Amino acid sequence: MEKLIVTAAITGGASPANNLAKPKNPEEMVKAALECYNAGAAIVHMHALNPETSQPEQKTEWFEQAIVPLKEQCDMIVNVTTGGCAKRVDGDWLYKKQPEESVEGRIAIIPELAKNPRSKPDLASFNAGSPVIDIYNRRKKDFLLKFVMVHSFPDMIYMADTMKEHRVKPEIECYDVGMINNAKFLADLGHIESPPYFQLVMGVLGQIPATVDNLVHMARCVPDGSPWSVCAVGLNEWPMTTMGIIMGGHVRVGLEDNIYLSQGVPAKSNAELVEKVVRIAKELGREIATPDEARTLLHLPSK
């Protein structure tokens, strides 16, 4: 079985704003990424943070402040987000208020970052459809997050072509089986180069549940010869990544997806989550891929 690629998703997502373990600015993002690198992660997936507010903002300058110093200190593969263009369930388009959240705004960072080899990402997340992204608080009986990430086929083609032009490989995020088919269609049309790289996202409310049967089905739908990874929200992270390791896939962990090391035990850092999945992999006989080895497995240019 080939070596295991570990991705660390260090910002955004499930991690609440008051979580002390979560990076709060680009400087802390660099520190967190280096800790994950030393723990065994070959890839860092990042959402940029405004250093004044600690809030995610899709702006080139905040990405640069994290990517440039990270690349100066290690050979970690850099994966930036382009997801998040949103329509709330009440029908109000978020990007009317925040233009940077439009499809054009989200993808604009790619040509900007690619101008400089010191800030150019290797990968960028690519949502292969329009997933519902909801978080429900059972105690408050209310939704904490409620929107649809809207991507039409013309949107996806525009984003894929932008990545292709600037030699940034899409990490195709699939929240359900249909999104795998969308990506196959785009690859057939030539907008995504072969072999595509899939991230199977599980356990998000409104999308495919995090079960072993569902992971097996999704993996079978991935085209032959295409690398795939699995991530899952909350404590689903551990059974799904363990199953992914056994099946020969790759894995993503981090505070973007899950804040718990185990039931009731919050993770002290992103690196602690990486350390746990590395331990599981070694117990199961999977060696951990270095960034150079991961580049080969993902068909990326060598460093």
Protein backbone atom coordinates (compact mmCIF):
# COMPACT_ATOMS: atom_id res chain seq x y z
CA MET A 1 0.00 0.00 0.00
CA GLU A 2 1.32 3.46 -0.88
CA LYS A 3 2.37 5.89 1.82
CA LEU A 4 -0.28 7.97 3.58
CA ILE A 5 -0.65 11.67 2.84
CA VAL A 6 -1.83 13.63 5.88
CA THR A 7 -3.46 17.04 5.35
CA ALA A 8 -3.81 19.46 8.25
CA ALA A 9 -6.79 21.83 7.93
CA ILE A 10 -5.70 24.44 10.46
CA THR A 11 -8.31 27.25 10.27
CA GLY A 12 -12.01 27.86 9.69
CA GLY A 13 -14.92 25.48 9.76
CA ALA A 14 -16.05 23.70 12.92
CA SER A 15 -13.59 25.44 15.23
CA PRO A 16 -15.46 28.14 17.20
CA ALA A 17 -14.08 31.66 17.32
CA ASN A 18 -13.35 31.39 21.04
CA ASN A 19 -11.31 28.20 20.68
CA LEU A 20 -7.89 29.03 22.14
CA ALA A 21 -6.26 26.24 20.11
CA LYS A 22 -7.25 27.81 16.81
CA PRO A 23 -4.75 30.11 15.05
CA LYS A 24 -5.84 33.75 15.30
CA ASN A 25 -3.63 35.43 12.67
CA PRO A 26 -1.19 34.59 9.85
CA GLU A 27 1.75 34.34 12.24
CA GLU A 28 -0.04 31.76 14.36
CA MET A 29 -1.06 29.94 11.17
CA VAL A 30 2.62 29.55 10.24
CA LYS A 31 3.40 28.23 13.72
CA ALA A 32 0.50 25.77 13.58
CA ALA A 33 1.47 24.58 10.09
CA LEU A 34 5.08 23.98 11.12
CA GLU A 35 3.93 22.00 14.16
CA CYS A 36 1.73 19.88 11.90
CA TYR A 37 4.62 19.42 9.45
CA ASN A 38 6.85 18.18 12.27
CA ALA A 39 4.06 15.84 13.39
CA GLY A 40 3.81 14.26 9.92
CA ALA A 41 1.46 16.38 7.79
CA ALA A 42 2.61 16.81 4.18
CA ILE A 43 -0.14 19.31 3.24
CA VAL A 44 -1.56 22.35 5.01
CA HIS A 45 -5.05 23.51 4.03
CA MET A 46 -5.68 27.11 5.02
CA HIS A 47 -8.31 29.81 5.15
CA ALA A 48 -6.71 33.25 5.41
CA LEU A 49 -7.24 35.20 8.64
CA ASN A 50 -7.46 38.94 9.09
CA PRO A 51 -4.80 39.62 11.76
CA GLU A 52 -6.89 42.41 13.29
CA THR A 53 -10.16 40.49 13.66
CA SER A 54 -9.01 36.82 13.52
CA GLN A 55 -11.89 36.24 11.08
CA PRO A 56 -11.50 34.36 7.78
CA GLU A 57 -11.17 36.73 4.83
CA GLN A 58 -10.51 35.71 1.25
CA LYS A 59 -7.77 38.29 0.66
CA THR A 60 -4.44 37.77 -1.02
CA GLU A 61 -2.45 39.73 1.57
CA TRP A 62 -3.56 37.52 4.46
CA PHE A 63 -2.67 34.38 2.51
CA GLU A 64 0.73 35.83 1.61
CA GLN A 65 1.49 36.60 5.24
CA ALA A 66 1.10 32.90 6.04
CA ILE A 67 2.38 31.21 2.87
CA VAL A 68 5.63 33.12 2.30
CA PRO A 69 7.20 32.54 5.74
CA LEU A 70 5.96 28.94 5.77
CA LYS A 71 7.65 28.20 2.45
CA GLU A 72 10.85 29.78 3.75
CA GLN A 73 10.96 27.28 6.61
CA CYS A 74 9.75 23.98 5.11
CA ASP A 75 8.70 22.18 1.94
CA MET A 76 5.09 21.61 3.03
CA ILE A 77 2.49 21.47 0.23
CA VAL A 78 0.21 24.53 0.43
CA ASN A 79 -3.53 24.15 -0.22
CA VAL A 80 -5.69 27.31 -0.12
CA THR A 81 -9.45 27.53 0.04
CA THR A 82 -11.63 28.84 -2.77
CA GLY A 83 -14.88 27.58 -1.25
CA GLY A 84 -17.57 29.49 0.54
CA CYS A 85 -19.50 31.51 -2.05
CA ALA A 86 -22.83 31.40 -0.35
CA LYS A 87 -26.57 31.89 -0.60
CA ARG A 88 -28.37 31.85 2.73
CA VAL A 89 -31.45 29.68 3.03
CA ASP A 90 -33.67 32.76 3.38
CA GLY A 91 -32.71 33.69 -0.17
CA ASP A 92 -30.28 36.53 0.60
CA TRP A 93 -27.06 36.32 -1.42
CA LEU A 94 -24.09 36.80 0.87
CA TYR A 95 -21.85 38.10 -1.89
CA LYS A 96 -24.09 41.16 -2.40
CA LYS A 97 -22.79 42.32 0.97
CA GLN A 98 -19.31 40.75 0.62
CA PRO A 99 -18.14 40.78 -3.03
CA GLU A 100 -15.04 38.77 -2.14
CA GLU A 101 -17.37 35.86 -1.33
CA SER A 102 -18.63 35.63 -4.93
CA VAL A 103 -17.23 32.97 -7.26
CA GLU A 104 -15.05 35.62 -8.88
CA GLY A 105 -13.95 36.92 -5.50
CA ARG A 106 -13.09 33.49 -4.12
CA ILE A 107 -11.00 32.42 -7.11
CA ALA A 108 -9.27 35.80 -7.57
CA ILE A 109 -6.60 34.85 -5.06
CA ILE A 110 -5.21 32.18 -7.41
CA PRO A 111 -3.78 34.46 -10.12
CA GLU A 112 -2.68 36.96 -7.47
CA LEU A 113 -0.81 34.40 -5.37
CA ALA A 114 0.62 32.71 -8.47
CA LYS A 115 2.42 35.89 -9.53
CA ASN A 116 5.12 35.16 -6.96
CA PRO A 117 6.70 31.68 -6.60
CA ARG A 118 7.10 32.42 -2.89
CA SER A 119 3.33 32.66 -2.41
CA LYS A 120 2.02 30.36 -5.16
CA PRO A 121 -0.12 27.52 -3.74
CA ASP A 122 0.27 23.95 -4.93
CA LEU A 123 -3.38 23.01 -4.43
CA ALA A 124 -6.68 24.82 -4.04
CA SER A 125 -9.97 23.45 -2.78
CA PHE A 126 -12.59 23.08 -5.50
CA ASN A 127 -16.23 22.50 -4.58
CA ALA A 128 -17.67 20.21 -7.23
CA GLY A 129 -21.27 21.30 -6.71
CA SER A 130 -23.48 23.25 -4.32
CA PRO A 131 -23.34 21.68 -0.86
CA VAL A 132 -25.66 22.63 1.97
CA ILE A 133 -23.52 23.70 4.92
CA ASP A 134 -25.57 23.65 8.12
CA ILE A 135 -24.63 23.32 11.79
CA TYR A 136 -27.46 22.66 14.25
CA ASN A 137 -27.23 23.38 17.97
CA ARG A 138 -29.46 20.85 19.72
CA ARG A 139 -29.32 22.68 23.03
CA LYS A 140 -30.49 25.99 21.52
CA LYS A 141 -32.67 24.21 18.95
CA ASP A 142 -31.38 26.49 16.24
CA PHE A 143 -29.04 26.49 13.27
CA LEU A 144 -25.71 28.16 13.94
CA LEU A 145 -24.79 28.15 10.27
CA LYS A 146 -27.24 27.96 7.39
CA PHE A 147 -26.27 28.50 3.79
CA VAL A 148 -25.73 26.81 0.46
CA MET A 149 -22.37 27.09 -1.30
CA VAL A 150 -23.66 27.86 -4.78
CA HIS A 151 -21.65 26.65 -7.79
CA SER A 152 -23.29 26.24 -11.19
CA PHE A 153 -21.47 24.33 -13.93
CA PRO A 154 -20.35 27.62 -15.55
CA ASP A 155 -19.03 28.67 -12.11
CA MET A 156 -17.11 25.42 -11.75
CA ILE A 157 -15.69 25.68 -15.26
CA TYR A 158 -14.53 29.24 -14.58
CA MET A 159 -12.83 28.18 -11.35
CA ALA A 160 -11.27 25.06 -12.86
CA ASP A 161 -9.94 26.96 -15.86
CA THR A 162 -8.42 29.62 -13.60
CA MET A 163 -6.61 26.96 -11.57
CA LYS A 164 -5.48 25.17 -14.72
CA GLU A 165 -4.11 28.39 -16.26
CA HIS A 166 -2.01 29.09 -13.19
CA ARG A 167 -0.86 25.50 -12.62
CA VAL A 168 -2.64 25.06 -9.29
CA LYS A 169 -4.14 21.58 -8.92
CA PRO A 170 -7.74 21.39 -7.73
CA GLU A 171 -8.40 19.42 -4.57
CA ILE A 172 -11.92 18.37 -5.53
CA GLU A 173 -14.11 18.53 -2.45
CA CYS A 174 -17.07 16.17 -2.78
CA TYR A 175 -19.75 16.35 -0.10
CA ASP A 176 -21.83 13.69 -1.82
CA VAL A 177 -21.58 11.14 -4.61
CA GLY A 178 -23.09 13.41 -7.25
CA MET A 179 -20.18 15.81 -6.88
CA ILE A 180 -17.77 13.04 -7.89
CA ASN A 181 -19.80 12.70 -11.08
CA ASN A 182 -19.65 16.47 -11.61
CA ALA A 183 -15.87 16.35 -11.41
CA LYS A 184 -15.72 13.43 -13.85
CA PHE A 185 -17.81 15.47 -16.29
CA LEU A 186 -15.50 18.48 -15.98
CA ALA A 187 -12.47 16.23 -16.47
CA ASP A 188 -14.06 14.69 -19.59
CA LEU A 189 -14.46 18.22 -20.98
CA GLY A 190 -10.80 18.95 -20.28
CA HIS A 191 -11.28 21.55 -17.55
CA ILE A 192 -9.66 19.34 -14.89
CA GLU A 193 -6.43 17.57 -15.73
CA SER A 194 -5.98 13.87 -15.07
CA PRO A 195 -5.63 12.32 -12.65
CA PRO A 196 -7.96 14.45 -10.51
CA TYR A 197 -7.45 14.51 -6.74
CA PHE A 198 -10.57 14.01 -4.59
CA GLN A 199 -11.31 15.02 -1.01
CA LEU A 200 -14.35 13.06 0.26
CA VAL A 201 -16.08 15.28 2.82
CA MET A 202 -18.43 13.43 5.17
CA GLY A 203 -20.80 14.10 8.03
CA VAL A 204 -21.82 17.66 7.12
CA LEU A 205 -25.51 18.20 7.94
CA GLY A 206 -27.38 18.22 4.63
CA GLN A 207 -24.80 16.06 2.84
CA ILE A 208 -23.64 12.43 2.88
CA PRO A 209 -23.53 10.88 6.40
CA ALA A 210 -20.22 9.67 7.77
CA THR A 211 -20.63 5.89 7.60
CA VAL A 212 -18.34 3.10 6.48
CA ASP A 213 -20.78 2.02 3.76
CA ASN A 214 -20.96 5.53 2.36
CA LEU A 215 -17.17 5.93 2.34
CA VAL A 216 -16.75 2.61 0.52
CA HIS A 217 -19.35 3.69 -2.04
CA MET A 218 -17.75 7.10 -2.58
CA ALA A 219 -14.28 5.58 -2.97
CA ARG A 220 -15.63 3.14 -5.57
CA CYS A 221 -17.02 6.10 -7.54
CA VAL A 222 -13.62 7.78 -7.74
CA PRO A 223 -12.02 7.14 -11.17
CA ASP A 224 -9.36 4.43 -11.28
CA GLY A 225 -5.91 5.86 -10.75
CA SER A 226 -7.15 9.02 -9.02
CA PRO A 227 -5.84 9.69 -5.49
CA TRP A 228 -8.44 10.40 -2.84
CA SER A 229 -8.54 11.55 0.75
CA VAL A 230 -11.27 11.57 3.39
CA CYS A 231 -12.24 14.09 6.04
CA ALA A 232 -15.24 14.18 8.35
CA VAL A 233 -16.67 16.70 10.78
CA GLY A 234 -16.62 16.32 14.54
CA LEU A 235 -15.80 12.99 16.13
CA ASN A 236 -16.70 11.33 12.83
CA GLU A 237 -13.15 12.33 11.91
CA TRP A 238 -11.63 9.33 13.69
CA PRO A 239 -13.63 6.36 12.33
CA MET A 240 -13.66 7.81 8.80
CA THR A 241 -9.94 8.57 8.67
CA THR A 242 -9.15 5.17 10.18
CA MET A 243 -11.26 3.51 7.50
CA GLY A 244 -9.60 5.66 4.84
CA ILE A 245 -6.19 4.49 6.02
CA ILE A 246 -7.27 0.84 5.82
CA MET A 247 -8.76 1.33 2.34
CA GLY A 248 -5.62 2.88 0.91
CA GLY A 249 -6.86 6.46 0.75
CA HIS A 250 -5.36 9.55 2.34
CA VAL A 251 -6.64 11.64 5.25
CA ARG A 252 -7.34 15.16 6.43
CA VAL A 253 -7.58 16.21 10.08
CA GLY A 254 -7.51 19.57 11.84
CA LEU A 255 -9.44 22.17 13.77
CA GLU A 256 -11.36 23.23 10.66
CA ASP A 257 -13.22 19.92 10.81
CA ASN A 258 -13.06 18.73 14.39
CA ILE A 259 -12.01 20.19 17.75
CA TYR A 260 -11.95 16.96 19.77
CA LEU A 261 -9.14 14.50 20.33
CA SER A 262 -11.73 12.10 21.73
CA GLN A 263 -15.20 12.32 23.29
CA GLY A 264 -15.20 15.31 25.65
CA VAL A 265 -11.46 15.94 25.23
CA PRO A 266 -10.70 19.10 23.23
CA ALA A 267 -7.55 19.08 21.11
CA LYS A 268 -4.86 21.41 22.37
CA SER A 269 -3.60 22.11 18.85
CA ASN A 270 -3.88 21.11 15.21
CA ALA A 271 -0.66 19.16 15.64
CA GLU A 272 -2.22 17.01 18.35
CA LEU A 273 -4.84 15.87 15.82
CA VAL A 274 -2.12 15.11 13.27
CA GLU A 275 -0.14 13.16 15.87
CA LYS A 276 -3.18 10.99 16.63
CA VAL A 277 -3.89 10.08 13.00
CA VAL A 278 -0.19 9.35 12.44
CA ARG A 279 -0.24 6.97 15.43
CA ILE A 280 -3.31 5.22 14.04
CA ALA A 281 -1.67 4.88 10.62
CA LYS A 282 1.51 3.41 12.04
CA GLU A 283 -0.47 0.92 14.12
CA LEU A 284 -2.21 -0.13 10.89
CA GLY A 285 1.03 -0.45 8.95
CA ARG A 286 0.81 2.67 6.76
CA GLU A 287 3.97 4.71 6.44
CA ILE A 288 3.63 8.49 6.33
CA ALA A 289 4.44 10.36 3.12
CA THR A 290 6.86 13.27 3.13
CA PRO A 291 5.92 16.37 1.12
CA ASP A 292 8.18 15.21 -1.74
CA GLU A 293 6.54 11.77 -1.73
CA ALA A 294 3.09 13.38 -1.59
CA ARG A 295 3.95 15.50 -4.62
CA THR A 296 4.71 12.35 -6.56
CA LEU A 297 1.52 10.61 -5.42
CA LEU A 298 -0.61 13.65 -6.33
CA HIS A 299 1.20 14.29 -9.63
CA LEU A 300 2.41 17.72 -8.53
CA PRO A 301 5.61 19.37 -9.79
CA SER A 302 8.62 18.54 -7.61
CA LYS A 303 9.73 21.24 -5.19
